[in-house]
Amino acid sequence: VRGSLRGAAGPTAAPQPPPQVIYTVRNPKDVLVSLFHFSRIFRPYKDPGTLQEFLDKFLQGDGALG
């Protein structure tokens, strides 16, 4: 039942626990190999070259996704 009285006259809220944070992290080697194979079959991307060349570009941040 809702009424116009709030605060001390109304029911008090139960204390809430602090929110939990979940971090999701992916292995960078897995990201590299996955993106390398994807860029080989996805035509809008330029040819990735060898895995070593792709690694060098990946580490410099010069890639299809930044």
PDB file of N, CA and C in Angstrom:
ATOM      1  N   VAL A   1       0.862  -1.172   0.000  1.00  0.00           N
ATOM      2  CA  VAL A   1       0.000   0.000   0.000  1.00  0.00           C
ATOM      3  C   VAL A   1       0.894   1.215   0.000  1.00  0.00           C
ATOM      4  N   ARG A   2       0.639   2.110  -0.944  1.00  0.00           N
ATOM      5  CA  ARG A   2       1.434   3.338  -1.031  1.00  0.00           C
ATOM      6  C   ARG A   2       0.675   4.474  -0.384  1.00  0.00           C
ATOM      7  N   GLY A   3       1.376   5.322   0.282  1.00  0.00           N
ATOM      8  CA  GLY A   3       0.761   6.487   0.903  1.00  0.00           C
ATOM      9  C   GLY A   3       1.606   7.717   0.668  1.00  0.00           C
ATOM     10  N   SER A   4       1.220   8.804   1.244  1.00  0.00           N
ATOM     11  CA  SER A   4       1.951  10.046   1.048  1.00  0.00           C
ATOM     12  C   SER A   4       3.048  10.237   2.082  1.00  0.00           C
ATOM     13  N   LEU A   5       3.093   9.399   3.113  1.00  0.00           N
ATOM     14  CA  LEU A   5       4.130   9.525   4.133  1.00  0.00           C
ATOM     15  C   LEU A   5       5.396   8.795   3.678  1.00  0.00           C
ATOM     16  N   ARG A   6       6.495   9.467   3.745  1.00  0.00           N
ATOM     17  CA  ARG A   6       7.779   8.870   3.385  1.00  0.00           C
ATOM     18  C   ARG A   6       8.794   9.163   4.474  1.00  0.00           C
ATOM     19  N   GLY A   7       9.867   8.523   4.446  1.00  0.00           N
ATOM     20  CA  GLY A   7      10.936   8.796   5.401  1.00  0.00           C
ATOM     21  C   GLY A   7      10.782   7.977   6.659  1.00  0.00           C
ATOM     22  N   ALA A   8      10.827   8.648   7.820  1.00  0.00           N
ATOM     23  CA  ALA A   8      10.817   7.947   9.103  1.00  0.00           C
ATOM     24  C   ALA A   8       9.522   7.181   9.341  1.00  0.00           C
ATOM     25  N   ALA A   9       8.399   7.660   8.796  1.00  0.00           N
ATOM     26  CA  ALA A   9       7.126   6.996   9.024  1.00  0.00           C
ATOM     27  C   ALA A   9       6.958   5.767   8.134  1.00  0.00           C
ATOM     28  N   GLY A  10       7.676   5.717   7.024  1.00  0.00           N
ATOM     29  CA  GLY A  10       7.544   4.609   6.083  1.00  0.00           C
ATOM     30  C   GLY A  10       8.542   3.507   6.376  1.00  0.00           C
ATOM     31  N   PRO A  11       8.417   2.385   5.665  1.00  0.00           N
ATOM     32  CA  PRO A  11       9.371   1.290   5.874  1.00  0.00           C
ATOM     33  C   PRO A  11      10.766   1.702   5.406  1.00  0.00           C
ATOM     34  N   THR A  12      11.755   1.227   6.101  1.00  0.00           N
ATOM     35  CA  THR A  12      13.128   1.550   5.714  1.00  0.00           C
ATOM     36  C   THR A  12      13.632   0.505   4.727  1.00  0.00           C
ATOM     37  N   ALA A  13      14.463   0.947   3.831  1.00  0.00           N
ATOM     38  CA  ALA A  13      15.028   0.042   2.826  1.00  0.00           C
ATOM     39  C   ALA A  13      16.146  -0.781   3.462  1.00  0.00           C
ATOM     40  N   ALA A  14      16.234  -2.011   3.061  1.00  0.00           N
ATOM     41  CA  ALA A  14      17.301  -2.869   3.547  1.00  0.00           C
ATOM     42  C   ALA A  14      18.623  -2.402   2.953  1.00  0.00           C
ATOM     43  N   PRO A  15      19.696  -2.460   3.704  1.00  0.00           N
ATOM     44  CA  PRO A  15      20.993  -2.041   3.148  1.00  0.00           C
ATOM     45  C   PRO A  15      21.374  -2.904   1.938  1.00  0.00           C
ATOM     46  N   GLN A  16      21.876  -2.252   0.945  1.00  0.00           N
ATOM     47  CA  GLN A  16      22.269  -2.933  -0.283  1.00  0.00           C
ATOM     48  C   GLN A  16      23.751  -3.289  -0.225  1.00  0.00           C
ATOM     49  N   PRO A  17      24.106  -4.489  -0.652  1.00  0.00           N
ATOM     50  CA  PRO A  17      25.540  -4.827  -0.717  1.00  0.00           C
ATOM     51  C   PRO A  17      26.199  -4.032  -1.850  1.00  0.00           C
ATOM     52  N   PRO A  18      27.491  -3.783  -1.732  1.00  0.00           N
ATOM     53  CA  PRO A  18      28.166  -3.048  -2.818  1.00  0.00           C
ATOM     54  C   PRO A  18      28.119  -3.853  -4.118  1.00  0.00           C
ATOM     55  N   PRO A  19      28.075  -3.164  -5.245  1.00  0.00           N
ATOM     56  CA  PRO A  19      28.034  -3.886  -6.529  1.00  0.00           C
ATOM     57  C   PRO A  19      29.319  -4.678  -6.755  1.00  0.00           C
ATOM     58  N   GLN A  20      29.185  -5.776  -7.464  1.00  0.00           N
ATOM     59  CA  GLN A  20      30.353  -6.592  -7.787  1.00  0.00           C
ATOM     60  C   GLN A  20      30.791  -6.287  -9.215  1.00  0.00           C
ATOM     61  N   VAL A  21      32.075  -6.362  -9.441  1.00  0.00           N
ATOM     62  CA  VAL A  21      32.642  -6.097 -10.760  1.00  0.00           C
ATOM     63  C   VAL A  21      33.271  -7.386 -11.263  1.00  0.00           C
ATOM     64  N   ILE A  22      32.946  -7.737 -12.520  1.00  0.00           N
ATOM     65  CA  ILE A  22      33.530  -8.923 -13.139  1.00  0.00           C
ATOM     66  C   ILE A  22      34.367  -8.463 -14.329  1.00  0.00           C
ATOM     67  N   TYR A  23      35.626  -8.817 -14.339  1.00  0.00           N
ATOM     68  CA  TYR A  23      36.521  -8.474 -15.437  1.00  0.00           C
ATOM     69  C   TYR A  23      36.639  -9.667 -16.383  1.00  0.00           C
ATOM     70  N   THR A  24      36.500  -9.397 -17.667  1.00  0.00           N
ATOM     71  CA  THR A  24      36.686 -10.431 -18.671  1.00  0.00           C
ATOM     72  C   THR A  24      37.922 -10.055 -19.480  1.00  0.00           C
ATOM     73  N   VAL A  25      38.900 -10.936 -19.508  1.00  0.00           N
ATOM     74  CA  VAL A  25      40.158 -10.661 -20.196  1.00  0.00           C
ATOM     75  C   VAL A  25      40.426 -11.797 -21.167  1.00  0.00           C
ATOM     76  N   ARG A  26      40.894 -11.449 -22.355  1.00  0.00           N
ATOM     77  CA  ARG A  26      41.217 -12.456 -23.357  1.00  0.00           C
ATOM     78  C   ARG A  26      42.727 -12.484 -23.567  1.00  0.00           C
ATOM     79  N   ASN A  27      43.253 -13.667 -23.768  1.00  0.00           N
ATOM     80  CA  ASN A  27      44.681 -13.842 -23.991  1.00  0.00           C
ATOM     81  C   ASN A  27      45.081 -13.094 -25.265  1.00  0.00           C
ATOM     82  N   PRO A  28      46.057 -12.176 -25.196  1.00  0.00           N
ATOM     83  CA  PRO A  28      46.468 -11.416 -26.388  1.00  0.00           C
ATOM     84  C   PRO A  28      46.956 -12.297 -27.538  1.00  0.00           C
ATOM     85  N   LYS A  29      47.587 -13.435 -27.220  1.00  0.00           N
ATOM     86  CA  LYS A  29      48.031 -14.341 -28.296  1.00  0.00           C
ATOM     87  C   LYS A  29      46.835 -14.910 -29.047  1.00  0.00           C
ATOM     88  N   ASP A  30      45.785 -15.225 -28.317  1.00  0.00           N
ATOM     89  CA  ASP A  30      44.563 -15.732 -28.932  1.00  0.00           C
ATOM     90  C   ASP A  30      43.925 -14.659 -29.819  1.00  0.00           C
ATOM     91  N   VAL A  31      43.926 -13.421 -29.347  1.00  0.00           N
ATOM     92  CA  VAL A  31      43.377 -12.313 -30.134  1.00  0.00           C
ATOM     93  C   VAL A  31      44.168 -12.153 -31.430  1.00  0.00           C
ATOM     94  N   LEU A  32      45.488 -12.190 -31.327  1.00  0.00           N
ATOM     95  CA  LEU A  32      46.350 -12.031 -32.501  1.00  0.00           C
ATOM     96  C   LEU A  32      46.088 -13.109 -33.546  1.00  0.00           C
ATOM     97  N   VAL A  33      46.110 -14.365 -33.138  1.00  0.00           N
ATOM     98  CA  VAL A  33      45.933 -15.469 -34.088  1.00  0.00           C
ATOM     99  C   VAL A  33      44.529 -15.446 -34.686  1.00  0.00           C
ATOM    100  N   SER A  34      43.535 -15.166 -33.858  1.00  0.00           N
ATOM    101  CA  SER A  34      42.157 -15.124 -34.325  1.00  0.00           C
ATOM    102  C   SER A  34      41.971 -14.010 -35.359  1.00  0.00           C
ATOM    103  N   LEU A  35      42.483 -12.819 -35.047  1.00  0.00           N
ATOM    104  CA  LEU A  35      42.367 -11.693 -35.974  1.00  0.00           C
ATOM    105  C   LEU A  35      43.160 -11.939 -37.251  1.00  0.00           C
ATOM    106  N   PHE A  36      44.311 -12.595 -37.133  1.00  0.00           N
ATOM    107  CA  PHE A  36      45.116 -12.913 -38.316  1.00  0.00           C
ATOM    108  C   PHE A  36      44.338 -13.814 -39.276  1.00  0.00           C
ATOM    109  N   HIS A  37      43.755 -14.884 -38.754  1.00  0.00           N
ATOM    110  CA  HIS A  37      43.003 -15.797 -39.617  1.00  0.00           C
ATOM    111  C   HIS A  37      41.749 -15.127 -40.178  1.00  0.00           C
ATOM    112  N   PHE A  38      41.093 -14.304 -39.359  1.00  0.00           N
ATOM    113  CA  PHE A  38      39.908 -13.597 -39.833  1.00  0.00           C
ATOM    114  C   PHE A  38      40.264 -12.631 -40.958  1.00  0.00           C
ATOM    115  N   SER A  39      41.371 -11.903 -40.804  1.00  0.00           N
ATOM    116  CA  SER A  39      41.753 -10.924 -41.830  1.00  0.00           C
ATOM    117  C   SER A  39      42.204 -11.593 -43.124  1.00  0.00           C
ATOM    118  N   ARG A  40      42.618 -12.868 -43.058  1.00  0.00           N
ATOM    119  CA  ARG A  40      42.988 -13.598 -44.276  1.00  0.00           C
ATOM    120  C   ARG A  40      41.767 -13.956 -45.114  1.00  0.00           C
ATOM    121  N   ILE A  41      40.615 -14.217 -44.463  1.00  0.00           N
ATOM    122  CA  ILE A  41      39.429 -14.638 -45.217  1.00  0.00           C
ATOM    123  C   ILE A  41      38.437 -13.509 -45.454  1.00  0.00           C
ATOM    124  N   PHE A  42      38.542 -12.398 -44.714  1.00  0.00           N
ATOM    125  CA  PHE A  42      37.601 -11.288 -44.856  1.00  0.00           C
ATOM    126  C   PHE A  42      38.156 -10.306 -45.877  1.00  0.00           C
ATOM    127  N   ARG A  43      37.542 -10.247 -47.032  1.00  0.00           N
ATOM    128  CA  ARG A  43      38.077  -9.508 -48.178  1.00  0.00           C
ATOM    129  C   ARG A  43      38.258  -7.995 -47.986  1.00  0.00           C
ATOM    130  N   PRO A  44      37.397  -7.290 -47.244  1.00  0.00           N
ATOM    131  CA  PRO A  44      37.635  -5.839 -47.116  1.00  0.00           C
ATOM    132  C   PRO A  44      38.963  -5.477 -46.451  1.00  0.00           C
ATOM    133  N   TYR A  45      39.537  -6.376 -45.645  1.00  0.00           N
ATOM    134  CA  TYR A  45      40.844  -6.111 -45.048  1.00  0.00           C
ATOM    135  C   TYR A  45      41.925  -6.384 -46.081  1.00  0.00           C
ATOM    136  N   LYS A  46      43.002  -5.597 -45.991  1.00  0.00           N
ATOM    137  CA  LYS A  46      44.115  -5.877 -46.895  1.00  0.00           C
ATOM    138  C   LYS A  46      44.824  -7.161 -46.457  1.00  0.00           C
ATOM    139  N   ASP A  47      45.625  -7.709 -47.358  1.00  0.00           N
ATOM    140  CA  ASP A  47      46.343  -8.957 -47.075  1.00  0.00           C
ATOM    141  C   ASP A  47      47.202  -8.764 -45.826  1.00  0.00           C
ATOM    142  N   PRO A  48      47.049  -9.645 -44.826  1.00  0.00           N
ATOM    143  CA  PRO A  48      47.806  -9.458 -43.581  1.00  0.00           C
ATOM    144  C   PRO A  48      49.284  -9.786 -43.695  1.00  0.00           C
ATOM    145  N   GLY A  49      49.696 -10.417 -44.780  1.00  0.00           N
ATOM    146  CA  GLY A  49      51.093 -10.811 -44.922  1.00  0.00           C
ATOM    147  C   GLY A  49      51.376 -12.035 -44.074  1.00  0.00           C
ATOM    148  N   THR A  50      52.624 -12.161 -43.632  1.00  0.00           N
ATOM    149  CA  THR A  50      52.983 -13.306 -42.787  1.00  0.00           C
ATOM    150  C   THR A  50      52.539 -13.030 -41.355  1.00  0.00           C
ATOM    151  N   LEU A  51      52.555 -14.067 -40.542  1.00  0.00           N
ATOM    152  CA  LEU A  51      52.177 -13.899 -39.146  1.00  0.00           C
ATOM    153  C   LEU A  51      53.143 -12.947 -38.434  1.00  0.00           C
ATOM    154  N   GLN A  52      54.422 -13.000 -38.787  1.00  0.00           N
ATOM    155  CA  GLN A  52      55.411 -12.098 -38.177  1.00  0.00           C
ATOM    156  C   GLN A  52      55.121 -10.644 -38.545  1.00  0.00           C
ATOM    157  N   GLU A  53      54.809 -10.385 -39.818  1.00  0.00           N
ATOM    158  CA  GLU A  53      54.472  -9.023 -40.248  1.00  0.00           C
ATOM    159  C   GLU A  53      53.199  -8.541 -39.547  1.00  0.00           C
ATOM    160  N   PHE A  54      52.233  -9.439 -39.443  1.00  0.00           N
ATOM    161  CA  PHE A  54      50.985  -9.103 -38.779  1.00  0.00           C
ATOM    162  C   PHE A  54      51.226  -8.805 -37.299  1.00  0.00           C
ATOM    163  N   LEU A  55      52.108  -9.594 -36.662  1.00  0.00           N
ATOM    164  CA  LEU A  55      52.465  -9.364 -35.264  1.00  0.00           C
ATOM    165  C   LEU A  55      53.092  -7.992 -35.076  1.00  0.00           C
ATOM    166  N   ASP A  56      54.014  -7.626 -35.961  1.00  0.00           N
ATOM    167  CA  ASP A  56      54.663  -6.313 -35.865  1.00  0.00           C
ATOM    168  C   ASP A  56      53.630  -5.187 -35.971  1.00  0.00           C
ATOM    169  N   LYS A  57      52.703  -5.297 -36.926  1.00  0.00           N
ATOM    170  CA  LYS A  57      51.652  -4.282 -37.086  1.00  0.00           C
ATOM    171  C   LYS A  57      50.730  -4.279 -35.869  1.00  0.00           C
ATOM    172  N   PHE A  58      50.407  -5.466 -35.360  1.00  0.00           N
ATOM    173  CA  PHE A  58      49.531  -5.603 -34.189  1.00  0.00           C
ATOM    174  C   PHE A  58      50.136  -4.907 -32.974  1.00  0.00           C
ATOM    175  N   LEU A  59      51.438  -5.105 -32.749  1.00  0.00           N
ATOM    176  CA  LEU A  59      52.097  -4.508 -31.601  1.00  0.00           C
ATOM    177  C   LEU A  59      52.229  -2.997 -31.727  1.00  0.00           C
ATOM    178  N   GLN A  60      52.284  -2.494 -32.966  1.00  0.00           N
ATOM    179  CA  GLN A  60      52.355  -1.057 -33.190  1.00  0.00           C
ATOM    180  C   GLN A  60      50.982  -0.395 -33.140  1.00  0.00           C
ATOM    181  N   GLY A  61      49.930  -1.226 -33.123  1.00  0.00           N
ATOM    182  CA  GLY A  61      48.565  -0.683 -33.133  1.00  0.00           C
ATOM    183  C   GLY A  61      48.105  -0.324 -34.512  1.00  0.00           C
ATOM    184  N   ASP A  62      48.858  -0.747 -35.533  1.00  0.00           N
ATOM    185  CA  ASP A  62      48.516  -0.454 -36.915  1.00  0.00           C
ATOM    186  C   ASP A  62      47.837  -1.686 -37.512  1.00  0.00           C
ATOM    187  N   GLY A  63      46.545  -1.781 -37.290  1.00  0.00           N
ATOM    188  CA  GLY A  63      45.818  -2.932 -37.788  1.00  0.00           C
ATOM    189  C   GLY A  63      44.404  -2.551 -38.185  1.00  0.00           C
ATOM    190  N   ALA A  64      43.644  -3.545 -38.552  1.00  0.00           N
ATOM    191  CA  ALA A  64      42.288  -3.316 -39.005  1.00  0.00           C
ATOM    192  C   ALA A  64      41.411  -2.726 -37.901  1.00  0.00           C
ATOM    193  N   LEU A  65      41.680  -3.120 -36.661  1.00  0.00           N
ATOM    194  CA  LEU A  65      40.833  -2.666 -35.563  1.00  0.00           C
ATOM    195  C   LEU A  65      41.565  -1.709 -34.620  1.00  0.00           C
ATOM    196  N   GLY A  66      42.642  -1.133 -35.079  1.00  0.00           N
ATOM    197  CA  GLY A  66      43.294  -0.137 -34.252  1.00  0.00           C
ATOM    198  C   GLY A  66      44.600  -0.557 -33.736  1.00  0.00           C
TER     199      GLY A  66
END
